[in-house]
Amino acid sequence: MTSVINFTLEDIGFFVLWGLVAIILYYIIIILKNLHSTLKDVNKIIEKNRNNVDKILNEAPGITKNVNNISKELANTLPKFRGTVTNVAETTESVTETINENNTINKQLASIFHTISMVKKLADKFLNDDKQEQKEKNNENEKNNN
C-alpha cells in the first residue's frame, strides 16, 4: 500500500496565505486588547477628574467666543496698522533721501568751517607771536632801565 500525498503550488500558496491571515488576525487582536486597556485607563482618569473636565467644558464656549472677538478685532485693526506701517516706511524713506541730498551741503559747510578754523589758528599763531615779541621787548626795556 502506497500512500502518496500530492501538494500543488496552489495548495502551498493557500497554506501560506491562510498562515499570513492568521498572523495578521493575531496582531489585530493584540492591538484591540491594548486599545481596550488604554481606554479603561482613560475612563478612570476622566472619572477621577470629572469636576475639572466639567469646568473646562462649561468654560469652552466663553473661551471660543473671546477668541472669535479677538480674531475680529485683529481683522479690523491689521489693515489700519498696515497703513500706519506703510506711512512710517514712506516717511523714513523720504527722510533718508533728504539726508542724503543734504549730505553734500553738510560736507561743504564742514569744509568751510574747517577752513575758517585753520585761518583762526594761523591768526592766533601770528597774534601770539606778535604778543610774544612785544613781551620780549618789554622785558628787555625793563632790564635796560634797571
N, C-alpha and C. Protein backbone atom coordinates (compact mmCIF):
# COMPACT_ATOMS: atom_id res chain seq x y z
N MET A 1 0.81 -1.16 0.00
CA MET A 1 0.00 0.00 0.00
C MET A 1 0.87 1.25 0.00
N THR A 2 0.73 1.93 -0.95
CA THR A 2 1.50 3.17 -1.07
C THR A 2 0.54 4.34 -0.95
N SER A 3 0.91 5.17 -0.07
CA SER A 3 0.12 6.39 0.10
C SER A 3 0.94 7.55 -0.46
N VAL A 4 0.35 8.23 -1.30
CA VAL A 4 1.03 9.37 -1.91
C VAL A 4 0.18 10.60 -1.63
N ILE A 5 0.84 11.56 -1.06
CA ILE A 5 0.16 12.84 -0.83
C ILE A 5 0.77 13.84 -1.79
N ASN A 6 -0.08 14.41 -2.57
CA ASN A 6 0.40 15.39 -3.56
C ASN A 6 0.00 16.79 -3.11
N PHE A 7 0.97 17.70 -3.16
CA PHE A 7 0.70 19.12 -2.89
C PHE A 7 1.01 19.89 -4.17
N THR A 8 0.07 20.68 -4.54
CA THR A 8 0.32 21.53 -5.71
C THR A 8 0.79 22.89 -5.24
N LEU A 9 1.29 23.66 -6.15
CA LEU A 9 1.72 25.03 -5.80
C LEU A 9 0.53 25.85 -5.30
N GLU A 10 -0.63 25.56 -5.83
CA GLU A 10 -1.83 26.26 -5.39
C GLU A 10 -2.12 25.95 -3.93
N ASP A 11 -1.97 24.71 -3.52
CA ASP A 11 -2.19 24.30 -2.14
C ASP A 11 -1.18 24.98 -1.21
N ILE A 12 0.08 25.01 -1.63
CA ILE A 12 1.12 25.66 -0.81
C ILE A 12 0.83 27.16 -0.71
N GLY A 13 0.39 27.77 -1.81
CA GLY A 13 0.05 29.21 -1.81
C GLY A 13 -1.08 29.50 -0.84
N PHE A 14 -2.15 28.65 -0.87
CA PHE A 14 -3.26 28.86 0.07
C PHE A 14 -2.81 28.66 1.51
N PHE A 15 -1.95 27.70 1.74
CA PHE A 15 -1.44 27.45 3.07
C PHE A 15 -0.68 28.68 3.60
N VAL A 16 0.17 29.23 2.76
CA VAL A 16 0.93 30.43 3.15
C VAL A 16 -0.02 31.61 3.35
N LEU A 17 -0.98 31.77 2.45
CA LEU A 17 -1.94 32.86 2.54
C LEU A 17 -2.75 32.78 3.83
N TRP A 18 -3.24 31.58 4.20
CA TRP A 18 -4.00 31.42 5.43
C TRP A 18 -3.10 31.62 6.65
N GLY A 19 -1.87 31.24 6.55
CA GLY A 19 -0.93 31.49 7.64
C GLY A 19 -0.73 32.99 7.86
N LEU A 20 -0.58 33.74 6.78
CA LEU A 20 -0.45 35.21 6.89
C LEU A 20 -1.71 35.84 7.46
N VAL A 21 -2.87 35.36 7.04
CA VAL A 21 -4.14 35.87 7.57
C VAL A 21 -4.22 35.61 9.06
N ALA A 22 -3.80 34.42 9.50
CA ALA A 22 -3.84 34.08 10.93
C ALA A 22 -2.91 35.00 11.72
N ILE A 23 -1.71 35.27 11.18
CA ILE A 23 -0.75 36.15 11.86
C ILE A 23 -1.31 37.57 11.95
N ILE A 24 -1.90 38.05 10.87
CA ILE A 24 -2.49 39.40 10.86
C ILE A 24 -3.63 39.49 11.87
N LEU A 25 -4.48 38.47 11.94
CA LEU A 25 -5.58 38.48 12.91
C LEU A 25 -5.03 38.47 14.34
N TYR A 26 -3.95 37.74 14.57
CA TYR A 26 -3.32 37.70 15.90
C TYR A 26 -2.86 39.11 16.29
N TYR A 27 -2.19 39.81 15.39
CA TYR A 27 -1.74 41.17 15.69
C TYR A 27 -2.91 42.14 15.87
N ILE A 28 -3.96 41.96 15.11
CA ILE A 28 -5.14 42.82 15.27
C ILE A 28 -5.75 42.60 16.65
N ILE A 29 -5.82 41.35 17.09
CA ILE A 29 -6.36 41.04 18.43
C ILE A 29 -5.50 41.68 19.51
N ILE A 30 -4.17 41.60 19.37
CA ILE A 30 -3.28 42.22 20.36
C ILE A 30 -3.48 43.74 20.39
N ILE A 31 -3.61 44.35 19.22
CA ILE A 31 -3.82 45.80 19.15
C ILE A 31 -5.14 46.18 19.80
N LEU A 32 -6.20 45.43 19.52
CA LEU A 32 -7.50 45.72 20.12
C LEU A 32 -7.46 45.55 21.64
N LYS A 33 -6.74 44.53 22.12
CA LYS A 33 -6.62 44.32 23.56
C LYS A 33 -5.92 45.51 24.21
N ASN A 34 -4.81 45.98 23.60
CA ASN A 34 -4.09 47.15 24.13
C ASN A 34 -4.95 48.41 24.09
N LEU A 35 -5.71 48.56 23.02
CA LEU A 35 -6.61 49.71 22.90
C LEU A 35 -7.67 49.66 23.99
N HIS A 36 -8.20 48.48 24.27
CA HIS A 36 -9.21 48.34 25.32
C HIS A 36 -8.64 48.72 26.68
N SER A 37 -7.43 48.24 27.00
CA SER A 37 -6.84 48.58 28.31
C SER A 37 -6.53 50.08 28.39
N THR A 38 -6.11 50.66 27.28
CA THR A 38 -5.84 52.10 27.27
C THR A 38 -7.12 52.89 27.50
N LEU A 39 -8.21 52.49 26.85
CA LEU A 39 -9.49 53.18 27.03
C LEU A 39 -9.98 53.03 28.47
N LYS A 40 -9.74 51.90 29.11
CA LYS A 40 -10.11 51.74 30.51
C LYS A 40 -9.36 52.74 31.38
N ASP A 41 -8.05 52.88 31.12
CA ASP A 41 -7.24 53.84 31.88
C ASP A 41 -7.73 55.27 31.65
N VAL A 42 -8.04 55.60 30.42
CA VAL A 42 -8.54 56.96 30.11
C VAL A 42 -9.86 57.20 30.83
N ASN A 43 -10.75 56.22 30.85
CA ASN A 43 -12.03 56.37 31.55
C ASN A 43 -11.82 56.57 33.04
N LYS A 44 -10.85 55.86 33.63
CA LYS A 44 -10.56 56.04 35.06
C LYS A 44 -10.06 57.46 35.33
N ILE A 45 -9.17 57.94 34.47
CA ILE A 45 -8.65 59.31 34.64
C ILE A 45 -9.76 60.33 34.51
N ILE A 46 -10.63 60.14 33.56
CA ILE A 46 -11.75 61.08 33.37
C ILE A 46 -12.68 61.04 34.57
N GLU A 47 -12.95 59.86 35.11
CA GLU A 47 -13.81 59.77 36.28
C GLU A 47 -13.20 60.46 37.49
N LYS A 48 -11.87 60.32 37.66
CA LYS A 48 -11.19 60.98 38.78
C LYS A 48 -11.25 62.50 38.65
N ASN A 49 -11.22 62.99 37.42
CA ASN A 49 -11.16 64.44 37.18
C ASN A 49 -12.46 64.96 36.57
N ARG A 50 -13.56 64.35 36.90
CA ARG A 50 -14.85 64.72 36.32
C ARG A 50 -15.17 66.20 36.55
N ASN A 51 -14.92 66.69 37.77
CA ASN A 51 -15.24 68.11 38.08
C ASN A 51 -14.43 69.05 37.20
N ASN A 52 -13.15 68.78 37.06
CA ASN A 52 -12.30 69.64 36.23
C ASN A 52 -12.71 69.58 34.76
N VAL A 53 -13.05 68.41 34.30
CA VAL A 53 -13.49 68.25 32.91
C VAL A 53 -14.78 69.03 32.69
N ASP A 54 -15.69 68.95 33.64
CA ASP A 54 -16.95 69.69 33.53
C ASP A 54 -16.70 71.20 33.50
N LYS A 55 -15.77 71.67 34.35
CA LYS A 55 -15.45 73.10 34.36
C LYS A 55 -14.91 73.54 33.01
N ILE A 56 -14.02 72.75 32.47
CA ILE A 56 -13.42 73.08 31.16
C ILE A 56 -14.49 73.10 30.09
N LEU A 57 -15.37 72.11 30.11
CA LEU A 57 -16.43 72.06 29.10
C LEU A 57 -17.40 73.22 29.26
N ASN A 58 -17.64 73.67 30.49
CA ASN A 58 -18.52 74.81 30.71
C ASN A 58 -17.87 76.13 30.26
N GLU A 59 -16.54 76.23 30.42
CA GLU A 59 -15.85 77.47 30.06
C GLU A 59 -15.47 77.52 28.58
N ALA A 60 -15.47 76.42 27.89
CA ALA A 60 -15.04 76.36 26.49
C ALA A 60 -15.83 77.30 25.58
N PRO A 61 -17.18 77.37 25.71
CA PRO A 61 -17.90 78.29 24.82
C PRO A 61 -17.49 79.75 25.03
N GLY A 62 -17.27 80.15 26.28
CA GLY A 62 -16.84 81.52 26.54
C GLY A 62 -15.46 81.79 25.96
N ILE A 63 -14.57 80.82 26.10
CA ILE A 63 -13.22 80.98 25.54
C ILE A 63 -13.29 81.09 24.03
N THR A 64 -14.12 80.25 23.43
CA THR A 64 -14.28 80.29 21.97
C THR A 64 -14.84 81.64 21.53
N LYS A 65 -15.80 82.17 22.29
CA LYS A 65 -16.37 83.47 21.95
C LYS A 65 -15.32 84.56 22.06
N ASN A 66 -14.49 84.51 23.11
CA ASN A 66 -13.42 85.51 23.26
C ASN A 66 -12.40 85.42 22.12
N VAL A 67 -12.07 84.21 21.74
CA VAL A 67 -11.12 84.03 20.63
C VAL A 67 -11.71 84.60 19.35
N ASN A 68 -12.99 84.37 19.13
CA ASN A 68 -13.64 84.93 17.93
C ASN A 68 -13.64 86.45 17.97
N ASN A 69 -13.91 87.05 19.14
CA ASN A 69 -13.89 88.51 19.26
C ASN A 69 -12.49 89.06 18.99
N ILE A 70 -11.49 88.39 19.54
CA ILE A 70 -10.11 88.84 19.32
C ILE A 70 -9.76 88.73 17.84
N SER A 71 -10.18 87.67 17.20
CA SER A 71 -9.90 87.49 15.77
C SER A 71 -10.55 88.60 14.95
N LYS A 72 -11.79 88.96 15.30
CA LYS A 72 -12.47 90.06 14.59
C LYS A 72 -11.75 91.38 14.81
N GLU A 73 -11.33 91.64 16.05
CA GLU A 73 -10.59 92.87 16.36
C GLU A 73 -9.31 92.94 15.53
N LEU A 74 -8.59 91.84 15.49
CA LEU A 74 -7.35 91.81 14.70
C LEU A 74 -7.64 92.01 13.22
N ALA A 75 -8.72 91.40 12.75
CA ALA A 75 -9.06 91.54 11.34
C ALA A 75 -9.37 93.00 11.00
N ASN A 76 -9.97 93.73 11.95
CA ASN A 76 -10.29 95.14 11.71
C ASN A 76 -9.07 96.04 11.90
N THR A 77 -8.20 95.69 12.83
CA THR A 77 -7.08 96.55 13.19
C THR A 77 -5.89 96.40 12.24
N LEU A 78 -5.64 95.18 11.77
CA LEU A 78 -4.46 94.95 10.94
C LEU A 78 -4.40 95.80 9.67
N PRO A 79 -5.50 95.99 8.94
CA PRO A 79 -5.39 96.86 7.76
C PRO A 79 -5.00 98.30 8.13
N LYS A 80 -5.53 98.80 9.25
CA LYS A 80 -5.16 100.14 9.69
C LYS A 80 -3.70 100.18 10.09
N PHE A 81 -3.25 99.15 10.77
CA PHE A 81 -1.86 99.07 11.20
C PHE A 81 -0.93 99.00 10.00
N ARG A 82 -1.33 98.25 8.99
CA ARG A 82 -0.52 98.15 7.77
C ARG A 82 -0.38 99.53 7.13
N GLY A 83 -1.46 100.29 7.13
CA GLY A 83 -1.39 101.65 6.58
C GLY A 83 -0.42 102.51 7.35
N THR A 84 -0.46 102.39 8.67
CA THR A 84 0.46 103.17 9.51
C THR A 84 1.90 102.76 9.25
N VAL A 85 2.14 101.47 9.15
CA VAL A 85 3.49 101.00 8.87
C VAL A 85 3.96 101.50 7.51
N THR A 86 3.07 101.48 6.54
CA THR A 86 3.42 101.97 5.21
C THR A 86 3.77 103.45 5.27
N ASN A 87 2.97 104.24 6.02
CA ASN A 87 3.26 105.67 6.16
C ASN A 87 4.60 105.90 6.83
N VAL A 88 4.89 105.14 7.88
CA VAL A 88 6.18 105.29 8.57
C VAL A 88 7.32 104.93 7.62
N ALA A 89 7.15 103.87 6.85
CA ALA A 89 8.20 103.46 5.91
C ALA A 89 8.43 104.54 4.86
N GLU A 90 7.35 105.11 4.34
CA GLU A 90 7.49 106.17 3.34
C GLU A 90 8.16 107.40 3.94
N THR A 91 7.77 107.77 5.17
CA THR A 91 8.38 108.92 5.83
C THR A 91 9.86 108.68 6.07
N THR A 92 10.19 107.50 6.52
CA THR A 92 11.60 107.16 6.75
C THR A 92 12.39 107.23 5.46
N GLU A 93 11.81 106.72 4.41
CA GLU A 93 12.48 106.77 3.11
C GLU A 93 12.68 108.21 2.66
N SER A 94 11.68 109.05 2.87
CA SER A 94 11.77 110.46 2.50
C SER A 94 12.85 111.16 3.31
N VAL A 95 12.89 110.88 4.61
CA VAL A 95 13.90 111.50 5.47
C VAL A 95 15.30 111.06 5.05
N THR A 96 15.43 109.78 4.73
CA THR A 96 16.74 109.27 4.29
C THR A 96 17.18 109.95 3.00
N GLU A 97 16.26 110.11 2.06
CA GLU A 97 16.60 110.79 0.81
C GLU A 97 17.01 112.23 1.08
N THR A 98 16.27 112.92 1.97
CA THR A 98 16.59 114.31 2.29
C THR A 98 17.97 114.41 2.94
N ILE A 99 18.26 113.49 3.84
CA ILE A 99 19.58 113.50 4.49
C ILE A 99 20.67 113.26 3.46
N ASN A 100 20.44 112.32 2.56
CA ASN A 100 21.44 112.05 1.53
C ASN A 100 21.62 113.25 0.62
N GLU A 101 20.54 113.96 0.29
CA GLU A 101 20.65 115.16 -0.55
C GLU A 101 21.38 116.26 0.20
N ASN A 102 21.10 116.40 1.49
CA ASN A 102 21.73 117.44 2.28
C ASN A 102 23.14 117.07 2.71
N ASN A 103 23.52 115.85 2.48
CA ASN A 103 24.84 115.40 2.90
C ASN A 103 25.94 116.18 2.19
N THR A 104 25.73 116.49 0.91
CA THR A 104 26.74 117.28 0.19
C THR A 104 26.81 118.68 0.76
N ILE A 105 25.67 119.26 1.11
CA ILE A 105 25.67 120.59 1.72
C ILE A 105 26.38 120.53 3.06
N ASN A 106 26.12 119.48 3.83
CA ASN A 106 26.79 119.33 5.12
C ASN A 106 28.30 119.22 4.94
N LYS A 107 28.73 118.48 3.93
CA LYS A 107 30.16 118.35 3.68
C LYS A 107 30.76 119.70 3.31
N GLN A 108 30.05 120.47 2.48
CA GLN A 108 30.56 121.78 2.10
C GLN A 108 30.64 122.71 3.30
N LEU A 109 29.60 122.69 4.15
CA LEU A 109 29.62 123.52 5.35
C LEU A 109 30.76 123.10 6.28
N ALA A 110 30.96 121.80 6.41
CA ALA A 110 32.05 121.32 7.25
C ALA A 110 33.39 121.77 6.70
N SER A 111 33.53 121.76 5.39
CA SER A 111 34.77 122.21 4.76
C SER A 111 35.00 123.70 5.02
N ILE A 112 33.93 124.49 4.92
CA ILE A 112 34.04 125.94 5.17
C ILE A 112 34.44 126.19 6.61
N PHE A 113 33.79 125.49 7.55
CA PHE A 113 34.13 125.69 8.97
C PHE A 113 35.55 125.22 9.26
N HIS A 114 35.97 124.17 8.60
CA HIS A 114 37.34 123.70 8.78
C HIS A 114 38.33 124.75 8.28
N THR A 115 38.02 125.34 7.14
CA THR A 115 38.88 126.39 6.59
C THR A 115 38.94 127.59 7.53
N ILE A 116 37.79 127.99 8.05
CA ILE A 116 37.73 129.12 8.98
C ILE A 116 38.55 128.79 10.23
N SER A 117 38.44 127.54 10.71
CA SER A 117 39.20 127.12 11.89
C SER A 117 40.70 127.21 11.61
N MET A 118 41.12 126.78 10.44
CA MET A 118 42.55 126.85 10.10
C MET A 118 43.03 128.31 10.03
N VAL A 119 42.20 129.18 9.43
CA VAL A 119 42.57 130.61 9.35
C VAL A 119 42.66 131.19 10.75
N LYS A 120 41.73 130.82 11.64
CA LYS A 120 41.76 131.32 13.01
C LYS A 120 43.01 130.87 13.73
N LYS A 121 43.38 129.59 13.54
CA LYS A 121 44.60 129.08 14.18
C LYS A 121 45.83 129.83 13.68
N LEU A 122 45.87 130.09 12.37
CA LEU A 122 47.00 130.84 11.83
C LEU A 122 47.03 132.26 12.39
N ALA A 123 45.84 132.87 12.47
CA ALA A 123 45.78 134.24 13.00
C ALA A 123 46.19 134.25 14.46
N ASP A 124 45.72 133.26 15.23
CA ASP A 124 46.12 133.19 16.64
C ASP A 124 47.62 132.99 16.76
N LYS A 125 48.18 132.20 15.90
CA LYS A 125 49.62 131.94 15.94
C LYS A 125 50.39 133.24 15.68
N PHE A 126 49.97 133.98 14.65
CA PHE A 126 50.66 135.24 14.34
C PHE A 126 50.45 136.25 15.44
N LEU A 127 49.23 136.32 15.99
CA LEU A 127 48.98 137.28 17.07
C LEU A 127 49.77 136.91 18.31
N ASN A 128 49.83 135.62 18.61
CA ASN A 128 50.61 135.18 19.77
C ASN A 128 52.10 135.46 19.57
N ASP A 129 52.56 135.29 18.31
CA ASP A 129 53.96 135.59 18.02
C ASP A 129 54.21 137.08 18.23
N ASP A 130 53.27 137.92 17.77
CA ASP A 130 53.43 139.37 17.96
C ASP A 130 53.39 139.71 19.43
N LYS A 131 52.50 139.09 20.19
CA LYS A 131 52.42 139.35 21.63
C LYS A 131 53.70 138.89 22.32
N GLN A 132 54.21 137.76 21.87
CA GLN A 132 55.44 137.22 22.46
C GLN A 132 56.61 138.17 22.19
N GLU A 133 56.67 138.67 20.96
CA GLU A 133 57.73 139.63 20.63
C GLU A 133 57.58 140.90 21.45
N GLN A 134 56.34 141.35 21.62
CA GLN A 134 56.09 142.55 22.41
C GLN A 134 56.52 142.34 23.86
N LYS A 135 56.24 141.17 24.42
CA LYS A 135 56.64 140.86 25.80
C LYS A 135 58.16 140.84 25.92
N GLU A 136 58.80 140.23 24.93
CA GLU A 136 60.26 140.15 24.97
C GLU A 136 60.88 141.57 24.92
N LYS A 137 60.29 142.42 24.09
CA LYS A 137 60.80 143.80 24.01
C LYS A 137 60.59 144.52 25.33
N ASN A 138 59.44 144.32 25.94
CA ASN A 138 59.16 144.96 27.23
C ASN A 138 60.13 144.46 28.29
N ASN A 139 60.41 143.15 28.28
CA ASN A 139 61.36 142.59 29.25
C ASN A 139 62.76 143.17 29.04
N GLU A 140 63.18 143.34 27.80
CA GLU A 140 64.49 143.91 27.51
C GLU A 140 64.56 145.37 27.95
N ASN A 141 63.47 146.09 27.72
CA ASN A 141 63.43 147.50 28.12
C ASN A 141 63.49 147.61 29.62
N GLU A 142 62.82 146.73 30.33
CA GLU A 142 62.84 146.78 31.79
C GLU A 142 64.26 146.47 32.31
N LYS A 143 64.90 145.50 31.67
CA LYS A 143 66.26 145.14 32.07
C LYS A 143 67.23 146.30 31.82
N ASN A 144 67.01 146.95 30.68
CA ASN A 144 67.88 148.09 30.36
C ASN A 144 67.63 149.24 31.30
N ASN A 145 66.44 149.45 31.69
CA ASN A 145 66.10 150.56 32.59
C ASN A 145 66.60 150.27 34.01
N ASN A 146 66.72 149.10 34.39
CA ASN A 146 67.17 148.75 35.74
C ASN A 146 68.64 148.83 35.78
